Amino acid sequence: MIAKVKEIIKKHGNKRENLLQILHDIQNQSYQNYISEENIKTLSEEMKIPVSDIKGTASFYSMYSFIPRGKYIIRICESPPCHILGAQTIFNAVEKKLGIKEGETTKDNLFTLEATSCLGICGVAPAMMINDEAYGNLDEKKINEILEQIQEKERK
């Protein structure tokens, strides 16, 4: 992965203002959807940015992770509109369907369940995002259909 990190840095340029996009690309290149300690050290050496600065920057944003996660990251919005309109019901439906709790990953490493403070789609609350795709106006039936479609796609 060291070579890939160097390649990503070269693609974006070795300037600090490119750090967020570089971190994003590093995480996306990881099979387990996270930024490893090895990646951070390489990034620090190549960009001449202290490890603590890189970790501080990445930990500020909920989309970055330092721990391995599933192929599909399910983020359930907990903003006030989503909370009022049933975010807990959405959590319960996902937990029931996948057999995991918030912060956990399924045994097959396919799904990780996370909470997020806002997805910015309050008009379709309650909402969730799976990787880069947003889903709104959710209920248990819709959630089951979405997750079953992904599981079916992965079986092929």
N, C-alpha and C. Protein backbone atom coordinates (compact mmCIF):
# COMPACT_ATOMS: atom_id res chain seq x y z
N MET A 1 0.82 -1.20 0.00
CA MET A 1 0.00 0.00 0.00
C MET A 1 0.86 1.26 0.00
N ILE A 2 2.11 1.17 0.43
CA ILE A 2 3.00 2.34 0.44
C ILE A 2 3.12 2.94 -0.95
N ALA A 3 3.28 2.07 -1.94
CA ALA A 3 3.40 2.55 -3.33
C ALA A 3 2.12 3.27 -3.76
N LYS A 4 0.95 2.75 -3.35
CA LYS A 4 -0.31 3.39 -3.71
C LYS A 4 -0.44 4.76 -3.05
N VAL A 5 0.00 4.86 -1.79
CA VAL A 5 -0.05 6.15 -1.10
C VAL A 5 0.81 7.16 -1.84
N LYS A 6 2.01 6.76 -2.23
CA LYS A 6 2.90 7.66 -2.96
C LYS A 6 2.27 8.07 -4.30
N GLU A 7 1.62 7.11 -4.94
CA GLU A 7 0.95 7.38 -6.22
C GLU A 7 -0.20 8.39 -6.04
N ILE A 8 -0.95 8.24 -4.97
CA ILE A 8 -2.07 9.15 -4.67
C ILE A 8 -1.54 10.56 -4.40
N ILE A 9 -0.46 10.65 -3.63
CA ILE A 9 0.14 11.95 -3.35
C ILE A 9 0.61 12.61 -4.64
N LYS A 10 1.25 11.83 -5.49
CA LYS A 10 1.74 12.36 -6.77
C LYS A 10 0.57 12.86 -7.63
N LYS A 11 -0.52 12.14 -7.61
CA LYS A 11 -1.71 12.51 -8.40
C LYS A 11 -2.27 13.87 -7.95
N HIS A 12 -2.31 14.11 -6.65
CA HIS A 12 -2.94 15.33 -6.12
C HIS A 12 -1.95 16.46 -5.87
N GLY A 13 -0.70 16.12 -5.71
CA GLY A 13 0.29 17.15 -5.37
C GLY A 13 0.61 17.11 -3.89
N ASN A 14 1.81 17.48 -3.58
CA ASN A 14 2.36 17.34 -2.24
C ASN A 14 2.07 18.56 -1.35
N LYS A 15 0.93 19.22 -1.56
CA LYS A 15 0.60 20.41 -0.78
C LYS A 15 -0.45 20.08 0.28
N ARG A 16 -0.33 20.74 1.41
CA ARG A 16 -1.23 20.48 2.54
C ARG A 16 -2.71 20.65 2.16
N GLU A 17 -3.01 21.60 1.30
CA GLU A 17 -4.41 21.82 0.93
C GLU A 17 -5.03 20.62 0.20
N ASN A 18 -4.21 19.68 -0.22
CA ASN A 18 -4.70 18.47 -0.88
C ASN A 18 -4.90 17.30 0.09
N LEU A 19 -4.60 17.52 1.37
CA LEU A 19 -4.62 16.43 2.35
C LEU A 19 -5.97 15.72 2.44
N LEU A 20 -7.06 16.45 2.47
CA LEU A 20 -8.37 15.80 2.61
C LEU A 20 -8.66 14.87 1.44
N GLN A 21 -8.38 15.32 0.23
CA GLN A 21 -8.64 14.47 -0.94
C GLN A 21 -7.69 13.26 -0.94
N ILE A 22 -6.48 13.47 -0.51
CA ILE A 22 -5.51 12.37 -0.44
C ILE A 22 -5.99 11.34 0.58
N LEU A 23 -6.42 11.81 1.76
CA LEU A 23 -6.94 10.89 2.78
C LEU A 23 -8.16 10.12 2.25
N HIS A 24 -9.02 10.83 1.55
CA HIS A 24 -10.21 10.20 0.96
C HIS A 24 -9.81 9.09 -0.02
N ASP A 25 -8.86 9.38 -0.89
CA ASP A 25 -8.42 8.39 -1.87
C ASP A 25 -7.72 7.21 -1.20
N ILE A 26 -6.92 7.47 -0.19
CA ILE A 26 -6.24 6.38 0.53
C ILE A 26 -7.29 5.46 1.15
N GLN A 27 -8.28 6.05 1.80
CA GLN A 27 -9.32 5.24 2.43
C GLN A 27 -10.09 4.44 1.39
N ASN A 28 -10.40 5.05 0.25
CA ASN A 28 -11.15 4.35 -0.80
C ASN A 28 -10.35 3.21 -1.42
N GLN A 29 -9.02 3.32 -1.42
CA GLN A 29 -8.17 2.26 -1.96
C GLN A 29 -8.07 1.06 -1.01
N SER A 30 -8.41 1.29 0.24
CA SER A 30 -8.30 0.23 1.25
C SER A 30 -9.48 -0.73 1.13
N TYR A 31 -9.18 -2.00 1.10
CA TYR A 31 -10.23 -3.02 1.03
C TYR A 31 -11.17 -2.92 2.23
N GLN A 32 -10.63 -2.47 3.37
CA GLN A 32 -11.44 -2.39 4.58
C GLN A 32 -11.86 -0.97 4.92
N ASN A 33 -11.83 -0.07 3.95
CA ASN A 33 -12.39 1.27 4.11
C ASN A 33 -11.84 2.05 5.29
N TYR A 34 -10.52 2.06 5.46
CA TYR A 34 -9.94 2.82 6.56
C TYR A 34 -8.54 3.29 6.20
N ILE A 35 -8.01 4.19 7.05
CA ILE A 35 -6.67 4.73 6.87
C ILE A 35 -5.79 4.09 7.93
N SER A 36 -4.85 3.27 7.51
CA SER A 36 -4.02 2.53 8.46
C SER A 36 -2.90 3.40 9.02
N GLU A 37 -2.33 2.93 10.12
CA GLU A 37 -1.20 3.60 10.74
C GLU A 37 -0.02 3.69 9.77
N GLU A 38 0.19 2.62 9.01
CA GLU A 38 1.26 2.60 8.00
C GLU A 38 1.03 3.69 6.94
N ASN A 39 -0.23 3.84 6.51
CA ASN A 39 -0.55 4.88 5.52
C ASN A 39 -0.28 6.27 6.07
N ILE A 40 -0.63 6.48 7.33
CA ILE A 40 -0.43 7.79 7.96
C ILE A 40 1.07 8.10 8.05
N LYS A 41 1.87 7.12 8.43
CA LYS A 41 3.32 7.33 8.53
C LYS A 41 3.92 7.66 7.16
N THR A 42 3.51 6.93 6.14
CA THR A 42 4.00 7.20 4.78
C THR A 42 3.58 8.59 4.34
N LEU A 43 2.33 8.93 4.58
CA LEU A 43 1.82 10.25 4.23
C LEU A 43 2.60 11.35 4.94
N SER A 44 2.89 11.14 6.20
CA SER A 44 3.66 12.10 6.99
C SER A 44 5.05 12.32 6.40
N GLU A 45 5.72 11.22 6.07
CA GLU A 45 7.07 11.30 5.51
C GLU A 45 7.07 11.97 4.14
N GLU A 46 6.13 11.61 3.31
CA GLU A 46 6.08 12.12 1.94
C GLU A 46 5.65 13.59 1.86
N MET A 47 4.74 13.99 2.75
CA MET A 47 4.20 15.35 2.69
C MET A 47 4.85 16.29 3.71
N LYS A 48 5.72 15.72 4.55
CA LYS A 48 6.40 16.53 5.58
C LYS A 48 5.37 17.19 6.51
N ILE A 49 4.36 16.41 6.89
CA ILE A 49 3.33 16.85 7.84
C ILE A 49 3.42 15.90 9.04
N PRO A 50 3.45 16.42 10.26
CA PRO A 50 3.52 15.53 11.43
C PRO A 50 2.33 14.56 11.49
N VAL A 51 2.60 13.36 11.97
CA VAL A 51 1.56 12.34 12.13
C VAL A 51 0.39 12.90 12.93
N SER A 52 0.69 13.64 14.00
CA SER A 52 -0.36 14.19 14.85
C SER A 52 -1.28 15.15 14.07
N ASP A 53 -0.73 15.91 13.14
CA ASP A 53 -1.54 16.82 12.33
C ASP A 53 -2.47 16.03 11.38
N ILE A 54 -1.94 14.98 10.80
CA ILE A 54 -2.74 14.15 9.89
C ILE A 54 -3.87 13.48 10.66
N LYS A 55 -3.54 12.90 11.81
CA LYS A 55 -4.57 12.24 12.62
C LYS A 55 -5.60 13.26 13.12
N GLY A 56 -5.13 14.43 13.53
CA GLY A 56 -6.04 15.47 14.00
C GLY A 56 -6.99 15.93 12.92
N THR A 57 -6.47 16.08 11.72
CA THR A 57 -7.31 16.50 10.59
C THR A 57 -8.33 15.42 10.26
N ALA A 58 -7.87 14.19 10.12
CA ALA A 58 -8.77 13.10 9.73
C ALA A 58 -9.81 12.81 10.81
N SER A 59 -9.42 12.89 12.07
CA SER A 59 -10.37 12.55 13.14
C SER A 59 -11.45 13.61 13.30
N PHE A 60 -11.25 14.81 12.77
CA PHE A 60 -12.26 15.86 12.84
C PHE A 60 -13.49 15.50 12.00
N TYR A 61 -13.28 14.76 10.92
CA TYR A 61 -14.35 14.41 9.98
C TYR A 61 -14.85 12.99 10.22
N SER A 62 -16.18 12.84 10.28
CA SER A 62 -16.76 11.52 10.56
C SER A 62 -16.62 10.54 9.40
N MET A 63 -16.29 11.01 8.22
CA MET A 63 -16.20 10.12 7.06
C MET A 63 -14.89 9.33 7.02
N TYR A 64 -13.90 9.74 7.81
CA TYR A 64 -12.63 9.02 7.83
C TYR A 64 -12.61 8.05 9.01
N SER A 65 -11.90 6.95 8.84
CA SER A 65 -11.81 5.96 9.92
C SER A 65 -10.38 5.44 10.04
N PHE A 66 -9.97 5.17 11.28
CA PHE A 66 -8.67 4.57 11.55
C PHE A 66 -8.81 3.08 11.88
N ILE A 67 -10.01 2.57 11.84
CA ILE A 67 -10.24 1.14 12.12
C ILE A 67 -10.89 0.50 10.91
N PRO A 68 -10.58 -0.77 10.65
CA PRO A 68 -11.17 -1.47 9.50
C PRO A 68 -12.70 -1.48 9.57
N ARG A 69 -13.31 -1.33 8.39
CA ARG A 69 -14.75 -1.33 8.27
C ARG A 69 -15.17 -2.20 7.10
N GLY A 70 -16.47 -2.36 6.95
CA GLY A 70 -17.01 -3.17 5.86
C GLY A 70 -16.92 -2.46 4.51
N LYS A 71 -17.24 -3.20 3.48
CA LYS A 71 -17.23 -2.66 2.12
C LYS A 71 -18.27 -1.56 1.97
N TYR A 72 -19.40 -1.72 2.65
CA TYR A 72 -20.48 -0.74 2.60
C TYR A 72 -20.63 -0.09 3.98
N ILE A 73 -20.48 1.22 4.02
CA ILE A 73 -20.61 1.97 5.26
C ILE A 73 -22.02 2.55 5.29
N ILE A 74 -22.80 2.11 6.25
CA ILE A 74 -24.16 2.62 6.42
C ILE A 74 -24.10 3.72 7.48
N ARG A 75 -24.43 4.94 7.08
CA ARG A 75 -24.44 6.08 8.01
C ARG A 75 -25.89 6.52 8.19
N ILE A 76 -26.35 6.45 9.41
CA ILE A 76 -27.71 6.88 9.70
C ILE A 76 -27.67 8.26 10.32
N CYS A 77 -28.45 9.15 9.77
CA CYS A 77 -28.47 10.54 10.20
C CYS A 77 -29.19 10.67 11.54
N GLU A 78 -28.54 11.40 12.44
CA GLU A 78 -29.13 11.65 13.76
C GLU A 78 -29.43 13.13 13.99
N SER A 79 -29.54 13.90 12.92
CA SER A 79 -29.87 15.32 13.06
C SER A 79 -31.25 15.44 13.70
N PRO A 80 -31.59 16.60 14.24
CA PRO A 80 -32.92 16.75 14.86
C PRO A 80 -34.08 16.33 13.95
N PRO A 81 -34.12 16.76 12.68
CA PRO A 81 -35.25 16.32 11.84
C PRO A 81 -35.31 14.79 11.69
N CYS A 82 -34.17 14.16 11.48
CA CYS A 82 -34.15 12.70 11.33
C CYS A 82 -34.52 12.02 12.65
N HIS A 83 -34.01 12.57 13.74
CA HIS A 83 -34.31 12.00 15.05
C HIS A 83 -35.82 12.05 15.31
N ILE A 84 -36.42 13.20 15.08
CA ILE A 84 -37.86 13.37 15.32
C ILE A 84 -38.68 12.46 14.41
N LEU A 85 -38.21 12.27 13.18
CA LEU A 85 -38.98 11.49 12.20
C LEU A 85 -38.61 10.01 12.17
N GLY A 86 -37.78 9.55 13.12
CA GLY A 86 -37.61 8.11 13.25
C GLY A 86 -36.23 7.53 13.03
N ALA A 87 -35.17 8.27 13.30
CA ALA A 87 -33.82 7.73 13.13
C ALA A 87 -33.62 6.46 13.95
N GLN A 88 -34.17 6.41 15.16
CA GLN A 88 -34.00 5.22 16.00
C GLN A 88 -34.68 4.01 15.38
N THR A 89 -35.82 4.23 14.74
CA THR A 89 -36.51 3.15 14.04
C THR A 89 -35.63 2.61 12.91
N ILE A 90 -34.92 3.51 12.24
CA ILE A 90 -34.03 3.13 11.15
C ILE A 90 -32.87 2.31 11.70
N PHE A 91 -32.27 2.79 12.79
CA PHE A 91 -31.21 2.01 13.44
C PHE A 91 -31.70 0.62 13.79
N ASN A 92 -32.86 0.54 14.42
CA ASN A 92 -33.41 -0.76 14.84
C ASN A 92 -33.61 -1.70 13.66
N ALA A 93 -34.10 -1.16 12.54
CA ALA A 93 -34.36 -1.99 11.35
C ALA A 93 -33.05 -2.52 10.77
N VAL A 94 -32.03 -1.67 10.69
CA VAL A 94 -30.73 -2.11 10.15
C VAL A 94 -30.10 -3.13 11.10
N GLU A 95 -30.13 -2.85 12.40
CA GLU A 95 -29.57 -3.77 13.38
C GLU A 95 -30.24 -5.14 13.31
N LYS A 96 -31.57 -5.15 13.18
CA LYS A 96 -32.33 -6.39 13.08
C LYS A 96 -31.97 -7.16 11.81
N LYS A 97 -31.91 -6.45 10.70
CA LYS A 97 -31.64 -7.09 9.40
C LYS A 97 -30.23 -7.66 9.32
N LEU A 98 -29.24 -6.92 9.85
CA LEU A 98 -27.84 -7.32 9.69
C LEU A 98 -27.23 -7.98 10.92
N GLY A 99 -27.91 -7.89 12.05
CA GLY A 99 -27.40 -8.51 13.27
C GLY A 99 -26.18 -7.79 13.85
N ILE A 100 -26.10 -6.48 13.65
CA ILE A 100 -25.00 -5.69 14.20
C ILE A 100 -25.56 -4.46 14.90
N LYS A 101 -24.75 -3.86 15.76
CA LYS A 101 -25.09 -2.61 16.45
C LYS A 101 -24.22 -1.50 15.87
N GLU A 102 -24.52 -0.26 16.26
CA GLU A 102 -23.73 0.87 15.83
C GLU A 102 -22.26 0.66 16.14
N GLY A 103 -21.40 0.93 15.14
CA GLY A 103 -19.96 0.77 15.30
C GLY A 103 -19.45 -0.62 14.96
N GLU A 104 -20.35 -1.53 14.67
CA GLU A 104 -19.95 -2.91 14.36
C GLU A 104 -19.97 -3.18 12.86
N THR A 105 -19.29 -4.26 12.49
CA THR A 105 -19.21 -4.72 11.10
C THR A 105 -19.74 -6.14 11.03
N THR A 106 -20.47 -6.46 9.98
CA THR A 106 -20.99 -7.82 9.82
C THR A 106 -19.83 -8.81 9.69
N LYS A 107 -20.09 -10.05 10.05
CA LYS A 107 -19.05 -11.09 10.03
C LYS A 107 -18.43 -11.29 8.64
N ASP A 108 -19.22 -11.03 7.59
CA ASP A 108 -18.71 -11.17 6.22
C ASP A 108 -17.98 -9.91 5.73
N ASN A 109 -17.80 -8.93 6.63
CA ASN A 109 -17.12 -7.67 6.31
C ASN A 109 -17.80 -6.88 5.19
N LEU A 110 -19.09 -7.08 5.04
CA LEU A 110 -19.82 -6.38 3.99
C LEU A 110 -20.35 -5.02 4.46
N PHE A 111 -20.89 -4.96 5.69
CA PHE A 111 -21.53 -3.74 6.18
C PHE A 111 -20.95 -3.30 7.52
N THR A 112 -20.81 -1.97 7.68
CA THR A 112 -20.50 -1.35 8.95
C THR A 112 -21.58 -0.31 9.21
N LEU A 113 -22.08 -0.28 10.44
CA LEU A 113 -23.15 0.65 10.81
C LEU A 113 -22.58 1.80 11.64
N GLU A 114 -22.84 3.02 11.21
CA GLU A 114 -22.35 4.21 11.90
C GLU A 114 -23.47 5.24 12.01
N ALA A 115 -23.32 6.13 12.97
CA ALA A 115 -24.22 7.28 13.10
C ALA A 115 -23.48 8.50 12.58
N THR A 116 -24.22 9.45 12.07
CA THR A 116 -23.62 10.71 11.64
C THR A 116 -24.53 11.85 12.07
N SER A 117 -23.95 13.01 12.27
CA SER A 117 -24.74 14.12 12.80
C SER A 117 -25.67 14.75 11.77
N CYS A 118 -25.32 14.73 10.51
CA CYS A 118 -26.19 15.31 9.49
C CYS A 118 -25.73 14.87 8.10
N LEU A 119 -26.68 14.52 7.27
CA LEU A 119 -26.39 14.19 5.87
C LEU A 119 -26.79 15.33 4.93
N GLY A 120 -27.47 16.32 5.48
CA GLY A 120 -27.86 17.47 4.66
C GLY A 120 -29.05 17.22 3.76
N ILE A 121 -29.85 16.22 4.08
CA ILE A 121 -31.03 15.91 3.26
C ILE A 121 -32.27 15.84 4.16
N CYS A 122 -32.43 16.87 4.97
CA CYS A 122 -33.50 16.92 5.97
C CYS A 122 -34.89 16.82 5.36
N GLY A 123 -35.04 17.22 4.12
CA GLY A 123 -36.34 17.18 3.46
C GLY A 123 -36.86 15.78 3.23
N VAL A 124 -35.99 14.78 3.34
CA VAL A 124 -36.41 13.39 3.14
C VAL A 124 -36.12 12.55 4.39
N ALA A 125 -36.17 13.19 5.55
CA ALA A 125 -35.91 12.50 6.81
C ALA A 125 -37.01 11.47 7.09
N PRO A 126 -36.66 10.37 7.76
CA PRO A 126 -35.33 9.94 8.20
C PRO A 126 -34.51 9.42 7.03
N ALA A 127 -33.20 9.60 7.15
CA ALA A 127 -32.32 9.30 6.03
C ALA A 127 -31.09 8.52 6.45
N MET A 128 -30.48 7.87 5.47
CA MET A 128 -29.21 7.19 5.66
C MET A 128 -28.42 7.30 4.37
N MET A 129 -27.13 7.03 4.49
CA MET A 129 -26.26 7.00 3.33
C MET A 129 -25.51 5.68 3.37
N ILE A 130 -25.41 5.03 2.23
CA ILE A 130 -24.58 3.82 2.12
C ILE A 130 -23.50 4.16 1.12
N ASN A 131 -22.27 4.21 1.62
CA ASN A 131 -21.13 4.73 0.87
C ASN A 131 -21.49 6.13 0.37
N ASP A 132 -21.61 6.35 -0.90
CA ASP A 132 -21.88 7.69 -1.42
C ASP A 132 -23.33 7.89 -1.86
N GLU A 133 -24.19 6.92 -1.61
CA GLU A 133 -25.58 7.02 -2.06
C GLU A 133 -26.51 7.28 -0.89
N ALA A 134 -27.32 8.34 -1.02
CA ALA A 134 -28.25 8.73 0.04
C ALA A 134 -29.63 8.12 -0.21
N TYR A 135 -30.30 7.79 0.89
CA TYR A 135 -31.64 7.23 0.86
C TYR A 135 -32.49 7.99 1.87
N GLY A 136 -33.71 8.37 1.48
CA GLY A 136 -34.56 9.11 2.37
C GLY A 136 -35.96 8.54 2.45
N ASN A 137 -36.77 9.18 3.31
CA ASN A 137 -38.15 8.74 3.56
C ASN A 137 -38.19 7.24 3.90
N LEU A 138 -37.31 6.85 4.81
CA LEU A 138 -37.10 5.43 5.09
C LEU A 138 -38.11 4.86 6.09
N ASP A 139 -38.38 3.60 5.88
CA ASP A 139 -39.12 2.79 6.84
C ASP A 139 -38.48 1.39 6.80
N GLU A 140 -38.92 0.50 7.65
CA GLU A 140 -38.29 -0.82 7.75
C GLU A 140 -38.35 -1.58 6.42
N LYS A 141 -39.47 -1.50 5.73
CA LYS A 141 -39.62 -2.20 4.45
C LYS A 141 -38.59 -1.70 3.43
N LYS A 142 -38.46 -0.37 3.30
CA LYS A 142 -37.50 0.21 2.35
C LYS A 142 -36.07 -0.20 2.69
N ILE A 143 -35.75 -0.17 3.97
CA ILE A 143 -34.39 -0.53 4.40
C ILE A 143 -34.09 -1.97 4.04
N ASN A 144 -35.03 -2.87 4.32
CA ASN A 144 -34.82 -4.27 3.98
C ASN A 144 -34.62 -4.47 2.49
N GLU A 145 -35.38 -3.76 1.67
CA GLU A 145 -35.25 -3.86 0.21
C GLU A 145 -33.87 -3.37 -0.24
N ILE A 146 -33.43 -2.25 0.29
CA ILE A 146 -32.12 -1.68 -0.08
C ILE A 146 -31.00 -2.65 0.28
N LEU A 147 -31.03 -3.15 1.51
CA LEU A 147 -29.97 -4.05 1.97
C LEU A 147 -30.00 -5.37 1.21
N GLU A 148 -31.18 -5.88 0.91
CA GLU A 148 -31.29 -7.13 0.15
C GLU A 148 -30.75 -6.95 -1.27
N GLN A 149 -30.98 -5.80 -1.89
CA GLN A 149 -30.43 -5.54 -3.23
C GLN A 149 -28.90 -5.57 -3.19
N ILE A 150 -28.32 -4.96 -2.19
CA ILE A 150 -26.85 -4.94 -2.08
C ILE A 150 -26.34 -6.35 -1.83
N GLN A 151 -26.98 -7.07 -0.94
CA GLN A 151 -26.54 -8.45 -0.65
C GLN A 151 -26.65 -9.32 -1.89
N GLU A 152 -27.72 -9.17 -2.65
CA GLU A 152 -27.90 -9.95 -3.89
C GLU A 152 -26.81 -9.61 -4.90
N LYS A 153 -26.49 -8.34 -5.04
CA LYS A 153 -25.43 -7.90 -5.95
C LYS A 153 -24.09 -8.52 -5.56
N GLU A 154 -23.84 -8.61 -4.28
CA GLU A 154 -22.56 -9.16 -3.80
C GLU A 154 -22.48 -10.66 -3.97
N ARG A 155 -23.59 -11.35 -4.03
CA ARG A 155 -23.60 -12.82 -4.22
C ARG A 155 -23.25 -13.20 -5.65
N LYS A 156 -23.46 -12.28 -6.59
CA LYS A 156 -23.23 -12.57 -8.02
C LYS A 156 -21.77 -12.54 -8.36
